[in-house]
Structure formats: structure tokens, C-alpha cells
Amino acid sequence: MENEYQDIYIQPTQDEKTLAMLAHVLGFFGSFIVPLIIYLVKKDESPYVREHSKEALNFHITMAIYYTISVILILVLIGILGVIFCGFFSLVVSIVAAIKALDGKPYRYPMCIRFIK
């Protein structure tokens, strides 16, 4: 995977790393709105921030879909487990993605539908 993005990830600045990290972390708290704002503002300025914010945006849109399905399934009680799993999973992988962003490395979320390519 790193070879796929080798030209994109050439010496990102500390500001780019911080913005990429914020796209992942704040996406956990603000759904897909924060990564969307970062993506729209920085997509033409920084390939590094564009890729990380795009990945965070795709993941948080996917999680919104999973949460919606889980909430609907609460009517048959299995949705409670889905909501708990989604929350725990989203927290863990968002932290891992933020750490990767600060290290200047690419990250792909598991179980993510890639709406924006």
C-alpha cells in the first residue's frame, strides 16, 4: 500500500500531519462534517492532507450508514450490539489512523466503503 502512495507522501510538513490527524480524530466527534470541511479546504493545497481527509471522510460516511442500520435493528434488540461495536471500532481505528497520520504514513480504514476516490 505504501508504494501506491509513494509520490503523495513525500516529506509532509508538521502542519500537514496535524491537519491529517485532526481529520481522523475530529471525525470521530463530528461525524463526516469535519473531514469534509478539511477535504474541501485543503484538497488542492496538500496531497497528503487530501488523501487522509478523503479516507477519514469515506470512513465516517460508512460508519454513519452502519450506525443507521444498527439503530433500525434496535427494534429487534440485535442493534444494541451493533451500536456498541460501531462506537468501539470507530474509536480504535480513528486513533490508529491519527497516529499513522502524525507519523507521515498512509492508512486505509478496514470495512470502509470508498465513496470518494
N, C-alpha and C. Protein backbone atom coordinates (compact mmCIF):
# COMPACT_ATOMS: atom_id res chain seq x y z
N MET A 1 0.82 -1.18 0.00
CA MET A 1 0.00 0.00 0.00
C MET A 1 0.87 1.25 0.00
N GLU A 2 1.98 1.25 0.69
CA GLU A 2 2.81 2.44 0.74
C GLU A 2 3.37 2.79 -0.63
N ASN A 3 3.66 1.79 -1.47
CA ASN A 3 4.16 2.07 -2.80
C ASN A 3 3.11 2.78 -3.65
N GLU A 4 1.85 2.47 -3.39
CA GLU A 4 0.75 3.07 -4.14
C GLU A 4 0.70 4.59 -3.95
N TYR A 5 1.08 5.06 -2.77
CA TYR A 5 1.02 6.48 -2.45
C TYR A 5 2.40 7.10 -2.26
N GLN A 6 3.40 6.47 -2.78
CA GLN A 6 4.76 6.92 -2.54
C GLN A 6 4.98 8.36 -3.00
N ASP A 7 4.44 8.75 -4.14
CA ASP A 7 4.65 10.11 -4.62
C ASP A 7 3.86 11.14 -3.81
N ILE A 8 2.76 10.72 -3.19
CA ILE A 8 1.94 11.63 -2.40
C ILE A 8 2.58 11.92 -1.05
N TYR A 9 3.21 10.92 -0.48
CA TYR A 9 3.73 11.03 0.88
C TYR A 9 5.21 11.36 0.89
N ILE A 10 5.59 12.44 0.25
CA ILE A 10 6.97 12.88 0.27
C ILE A 10 7.08 14.03 1.25
N GLN A 11 7.71 13.80 2.36
CA GLN A 11 8.01 14.81 3.37
C GLN A 11 6.86 15.77 3.67
N PRO A 12 5.78 15.30 4.28
CA PRO A 12 4.73 16.24 4.66
C PRO A 12 5.23 17.15 5.78
N THR A 13 4.77 18.38 5.80
CA THR A 13 5.15 19.30 6.86
C THR A 13 4.42 18.93 8.15
N GLN A 14 4.84 19.53 9.25
CA GLN A 14 4.18 19.26 10.53
C GLN A 14 2.73 19.76 10.50
N ASP A 15 2.48 20.87 9.83
CA ASP A 15 1.11 21.38 9.71
C ASP A 15 0.22 20.41 8.93
N GLU A 16 0.77 19.83 7.87
CA GLU A 16 0.01 18.84 7.08
C GLU A 16 -0.28 17.60 7.92
N LYS A 17 0.69 17.15 8.69
CA LYS A 17 0.49 15.99 9.55
C LYS A 17 -0.60 16.29 10.59
N THR A 18 -0.56 17.49 11.15
CA THR A 18 -1.54 17.86 12.17
C THR A 18 -2.95 17.93 11.58
N LEU A 19 -3.09 18.53 10.40
CA LEU A 19 -4.41 18.59 9.76
C LEU A 19 -4.93 17.20 9.41
N ALA A 20 -4.05 16.34 8.93
CA ALA A 20 -4.45 14.96 8.61
C ALA A 20 -4.91 14.24 9.87
N MET A 21 -4.17 14.43 10.96
CA MET A 21 -4.54 13.81 12.23
C MET A 21 -5.89 14.33 12.71
N LEU A 22 -6.10 15.64 12.58
CA LEU A 22 -7.38 16.22 13.01
C LEU A 22 -8.56 15.70 12.19
N ALA A 23 -8.34 15.43 10.92
CA ALA A 23 -9.41 14.87 10.09
C ALA A 23 -9.87 13.54 10.65
N HIS A 24 -8.93 12.74 11.14
CA HIS A 24 -9.29 11.43 11.69
C HIS A 24 -9.93 11.55 13.07
N VAL A 25 -9.31 12.31 13.95
CA VAL A 25 -9.78 12.39 15.34
C VAL A 25 -11.09 13.17 15.45
N LEU A 26 -11.16 14.32 14.81
CA LEU A 26 -12.37 15.13 14.93
C LEU A 26 -13.53 14.50 14.16
N GLY A 27 -13.22 13.66 13.19
CA GLY A 27 -14.28 12.92 12.51
C GLY A 27 -15.02 12.01 13.47
N PHE A 28 -14.33 11.49 14.46
CA PHE A 28 -14.97 10.63 15.46
C PHE A 28 -16.00 11.42 16.25
N PHE A 29 -15.72 12.69 16.52
CA PHE A 29 -16.63 13.51 17.31
C PHE A 29 -17.64 14.28 16.46
N GLY A 30 -17.28 14.61 15.22
CA GLY A 30 -18.16 15.43 14.40
C GLY A 30 -18.68 14.73 13.17
N SER A 31 -18.73 13.40 13.20
CA SER A 31 -19.18 12.61 12.06
C SER A 31 -18.36 12.93 10.82
N PHE A 32 -18.99 13.00 9.68
CA PHE A 32 -18.24 13.22 8.44
C PHE A 32 -18.10 14.70 8.10
N ILE A 33 -18.66 15.59 8.90
CA ILE A 33 -18.63 17.02 8.61
C ILE A 33 -17.21 17.58 8.68
N VAL A 34 -16.47 17.26 9.73
CA VAL A 34 -15.11 17.81 9.90
C VAL A 34 -14.17 17.32 8.80
N PRO A 35 -14.11 16.00 8.51
CA PRO A 35 -13.25 15.58 7.40
C PRO A 35 -13.67 16.19 6.07
N LEU A 36 -14.97 16.40 5.88
CA LEU A 36 -15.45 17.03 4.64
C LEU A 36 -14.94 18.46 4.52
N ILE A 37 -15.00 19.22 5.60
CA ILE A 37 -14.51 20.60 5.58
C ILE A 37 -13.01 20.63 5.30
N ILE A 38 -12.25 19.78 5.99
CA ILE A 38 -10.80 19.74 5.77
C ILE A 38 -10.51 19.33 4.33
N TYR A 39 -11.23 18.35 3.82
CA TYR A 39 -11.03 17.90 2.44
C TYR A 39 -11.30 19.03 1.45
N LEU A 40 -12.41 19.72 1.61
CA LEU A 40 -12.77 20.77 0.66
C LEU A 40 -11.81 21.95 0.71
N VAL A 41 -11.31 22.27 1.90
CA VAL A 41 -10.42 23.42 2.05
C VAL A 41 -9.00 23.10 1.56
N LYS A 42 -8.51 21.90 1.82
CA LYS A 42 -7.10 21.58 1.57
C LYS A 42 -6.83 20.65 0.40
N LYS A 43 -7.85 20.20 -0.30
CA LYS A 43 -7.64 19.18 -1.34
C LYS A 43 -6.71 19.64 -2.46
N ASP A 44 -6.70 20.90 -2.78
CA ASP A 44 -5.85 21.40 -3.85
C ASP A 44 -4.48 21.86 -3.36
N GLU A 45 -4.33 22.04 -2.05
CA GLU A 45 -3.08 22.55 -1.50
C GLU A 45 -2.11 21.46 -1.07
N SER A 46 -2.63 20.36 -0.56
CA SER A 46 -1.76 19.33 0.01
C SER A 46 -2.26 17.94 -0.35
N PRO A 47 -1.49 17.20 -1.16
CA PRO A 47 -1.88 15.82 -1.47
C PRO A 47 -1.95 14.94 -0.22
N TYR A 48 -1.09 15.21 0.73
CA TYR A 48 -1.06 14.42 1.97
C TYR A 48 -2.36 14.60 2.75
N VAL A 49 -2.76 15.85 2.98
CA VAL A 49 -3.99 16.13 3.71
C VAL A 49 -5.19 15.65 2.92
N ARG A 50 -5.16 15.81 1.59
CA ARG A 50 -6.26 15.35 0.75
C ARG A 50 -6.50 13.85 0.93
N GLU A 51 -5.45 13.06 0.88
CA GLU A 51 -5.61 11.60 0.99
C GLU A 51 -6.11 11.19 2.37
N HIS A 52 -5.56 11.79 3.41
CA HIS A 52 -6.01 11.42 4.76
C HIS A 52 -7.43 11.90 5.04
N SER A 53 -7.75 13.12 4.63
CA SER A 53 -9.11 13.61 4.88
C SER A 53 -10.13 12.86 4.03
N LYS A 54 -9.75 12.47 2.82
CA LYS A 54 -10.64 11.68 1.97
C LYS A 54 -10.90 10.31 2.59
N GLU A 55 -9.87 9.71 3.13
CA GLU A 55 -10.02 8.40 3.78
C GLU A 55 -10.90 8.54 5.03
N ALA A 56 -10.67 9.58 5.82
CA ALA A 56 -11.49 9.81 7.01
C ALA A 56 -12.94 10.08 6.63
N LEU A 57 -13.14 10.87 5.58
CA LEU A 57 -14.48 11.18 5.11
C LEU A 57 -15.22 9.91 4.67
N ASN A 58 -14.57 9.08 3.88
CA ASN A 58 -15.17 7.82 3.45
C ASN A 58 -15.53 6.94 4.66
N PHE A 59 -14.62 6.87 5.62
CA PHE A 59 -14.86 6.02 6.78
C PHE A 59 -16.04 6.53 7.60
N HIS A 60 -16.11 7.82 7.83
CA HIS A 60 -17.18 8.33 8.69
C HIS A 60 -18.54 8.33 7.98
N ILE A 61 -18.56 8.43 6.67
CA ILE A 61 -19.82 8.22 5.94
C ILE A 61 -20.25 6.76 6.07
N THR A 62 -19.29 5.85 5.93
CA THR A 62 -19.58 4.43 6.10
C THR A 62 -20.10 4.14 7.50
N MET A 63 -19.46 4.72 8.51
CA MET A 63 -19.90 4.50 9.89
C MET A 63 -21.31 5.06 10.12
N ALA A 64 -21.64 6.18 9.49
CA ALA A 64 -22.99 6.74 9.62
C ALA A 64 -24.02 5.75 9.08
N ILE A 65 -23.68 5.08 7.99
CA ILE A 65 -24.57 4.06 7.42
C ILE A 65 -24.69 2.88 8.39
N TYR A 66 -23.56 2.42 8.94
CA TYR A 66 -23.59 1.30 9.89
C TYR A 66 -24.39 1.66 11.14
N TYR A 67 -24.22 2.89 11.65
CA TYR A 67 -24.99 3.32 12.82
C TYR A 67 -26.48 3.35 12.51
N THR A 68 -26.84 3.84 11.34
CA THR A 68 -28.25 3.91 10.97
C THR A 68 -28.87 2.52 10.92
N ILE A 69 -28.15 1.59 10.33
CA ILE A 69 -28.64 0.20 10.27
C ILE A 69 -28.77 -0.37 11.68
N SER A 70 -27.78 -0.10 12.53
CA SER A 70 -27.82 -0.62 13.90
C SER A 70 -28.98 -0.03 14.69
N VAL A 71 -29.24 1.25 14.51
CA VAL A 71 -30.35 1.90 15.23
C VAL A 71 -31.68 1.30 14.78
N ILE A 72 -31.81 1.05 13.49
CA ILE A 72 -33.03 0.41 13.00
C ILE A 72 -33.17 -1.00 13.59
N LEU A 73 -32.04 -1.70 13.70
CA LEU A 73 -32.07 -3.07 14.24
C LEU A 73 -32.28 -3.12 15.75
N ILE A 74 -32.26 -1.98 16.42
CA ILE A 74 -32.54 -1.96 17.86
C ILE A 74 -33.95 -2.48 18.12
N LEU A 75 -34.81 -2.32 17.14
CA LEU A 75 -36.19 -2.82 17.29
C LEU A 75 -36.22 -4.32 17.51
N VAL A 76 -35.21 -5.04 17.02
CA VAL A 76 -35.14 -6.48 17.25
C VAL A 76 -34.00 -6.82 18.21
N LEU A 77 -33.55 -5.84 18.96
CA LEU A 77 -32.56 -5.95 20.04
C LEU A 77 -31.13 -6.21 19.60
N ILE A 78 -30.88 -6.74 18.42
CA ILE A 78 -29.51 -7.01 17.99
C ILE A 78 -28.78 -5.71 17.66
N GLY A 79 -29.53 -4.66 17.38
CA GLY A 79 -28.93 -3.38 17.03
C GLY A 79 -28.13 -2.75 18.16
N ILE A 80 -28.46 -3.09 19.39
CA ILE A 80 -27.71 -2.57 20.54
C ILE A 80 -26.26 -3.01 20.44
N LEU A 81 -26.04 -4.26 20.11
CA LEU A 81 -24.67 -4.76 19.94
C LEU A 81 -23.98 -4.06 18.77
N GLY A 82 -24.73 -3.79 17.72
CA GLY A 82 -24.18 -3.10 16.56
C GLY A 82 -23.73 -1.69 16.90
N VAL A 83 -24.53 -0.98 17.67
CA VAL A 83 -24.17 0.38 18.07
C VAL A 83 -22.92 0.36 18.94
N ILE A 84 -22.86 -0.56 19.89
CA ILE A 84 -21.69 -0.68 20.77
C ILE A 84 -20.45 -1.02 19.95
N PHE A 85 -20.58 -1.98 19.05
CA PHE A 85 -19.43 -2.37 18.21
C PHE A 85 -18.98 -1.21 17.34
N CYS A 86 -19.92 -0.52 16.71
CA CYS A 86 -19.58 0.62 15.84
C CYS A 86 -18.83 1.70 16.61
N GLY A 87 -19.29 2.00 17.81
CA GLY A 87 -18.64 3.03 18.62
C GLY A 87 -17.23 2.64 19.00
N PHE A 88 -17.05 1.41 19.48
CA PHE A 88 -15.73 0.94 19.88
C PHE A 88 -14.79 0.85 18.68
N PHE A 89 -15.28 0.28 17.59
CA PHE A 89 -14.47 0.12 16.38
C PHE A 89 -14.05 1.47 15.82
N SER A 90 -14.99 2.39 15.76
CA SER A 90 -14.71 3.72 15.23
C SER A 90 -13.65 4.44 16.06
N LEU A 91 -13.75 4.33 17.38
CA LEU A 91 -12.77 4.96 18.26
C LEU A 91 -11.38 4.39 18.05
N VAL A 92 -11.27 3.08 18.03
CA VAL A 92 -9.96 2.41 17.91
C VAL A 92 -9.30 2.74 16.57
N VAL A 93 -10.01 2.57 15.47
CA VAL A 93 -9.37 2.79 14.17
C VAL A 93 -9.12 4.27 13.91
N SER A 94 -9.92 5.16 14.49
CA SER A 94 -9.64 6.59 14.35
C SER A 94 -8.34 6.96 15.06
N ILE A 95 -8.10 6.37 16.21
CA ILE A 95 -6.85 6.62 16.93
C ILE A 95 -5.66 6.07 16.15
N VAL A 96 -5.80 4.86 15.62
CA VAL A 96 -4.72 4.27 14.82
C VAL A 96 -4.43 5.14 13.59
N ALA A 97 -5.49 5.60 12.92
CA ALA A 97 -5.32 6.45 11.73
C ALA A 97 -4.64 7.77 12.09
N ALA A 98 -5.01 8.35 13.23
CA ALA A 98 -4.40 9.61 13.66
C ALA A 98 -2.91 9.43 13.93
N ILE A 99 -2.55 8.33 14.54
CA ILE A 99 -1.14 8.05 14.82
C ILE A 99 -0.37 7.88 13.52
N LYS A 100 -0.95 7.15 12.58
CA LYS A 100 -0.31 6.98 11.26
C LYS A 100 -0.14 8.32 10.56
N ALA A 101 -1.15 9.18 10.64
CA ALA A 101 -1.07 10.50 10.00
C ALA A 101 0.06 11.33 10.61
N LEU A 102 0.20 11.28 11.92
CA LEU A 102 1.28 12.03 12.58
C LEU A 102 2.65 11.46 12.25
N ASP A 103 2.70 10.16 11.95
CA ASP A 103 3.97 9.54 11.57
C ASP A 103 4.31 9.77 10.10
N GLY A 104 3.38 10.37 9.35
CA GLY A 104 3.62 10.63 7.93
C GLY A 104 3.42 9.42 7.05
N LYS A 105 2.57 8.49 7.50
CA LYS A 105 2.34 7.25 6.75
C LYS A 105 0.90 7.18 6.27
N PRO A 106 0.66 6.45 5.19
CA PRO A 106 -0.72 6.27 4.71
C PRO A 106 -1.49 5.32 5.61
N TYR A 107 -2.81 5.41 5.58
CA TYR A 107 -3.65 4.50 6.35
C TYR A 107 -4.94 4.26 5.59
N ARG A 108 -5.37 3.02 5.55
CA ARG A 108 -6.65 2.63 4.96
C ARG A 108 -7.50 2.01 6.06
N TYR A 109 -8.68 2.56 6.25
CA TYR A 109 -9.60 2.02 7.25
C TYR A 109 -10.14 0.66 6.79
N PRO A 110 -10.24 -0.28 7.71
CA PRO A 110 -10.88 -1.56 7.37
C PRO A 110 -12.42 -1.37 7.33
N MET A 111 -13.09 -2.22 6.58
CA MET A 111 -14.55 -2.22 6.47
C MET A 111 -15.10 -0.87 6.01
N CYS A 112 -14.39 -0.20 5.14
CA CYS A 112 -14.77 1.14 4.68
C CYS A 112 -15.19 1.10 3.23
N ILE A 113 -16.31 1.72 2.95
CA ILE A 113 -16.79 1.85 1.58
C ILE A 113 -16.15 3.13 1.03
N ARG A 114 -15.49 3.05 -0.08
CA ARG A 114 -14.78 4.21 -0.62
C ARG A 114 -15.69 4.94 -1.62
N PHE A 115 -16.46 5.88 -1.11
CA PHE A 115 -17.36 6.67 -1.93
C PHE A 115 -16.61 7.69 -2.77
N ILE A 116 -15.60 8.32 -2.17
CA ILE A 116 -14.79 9.34 -2.85
C ILE A 116 -13.47 8.71 -3.22
N LYS A 117 -13.14 8.73 -4.49
CA LYS A 117 -11.92 8.06 -4.93
C LYS A 117 -10.85 9.04 -5.30
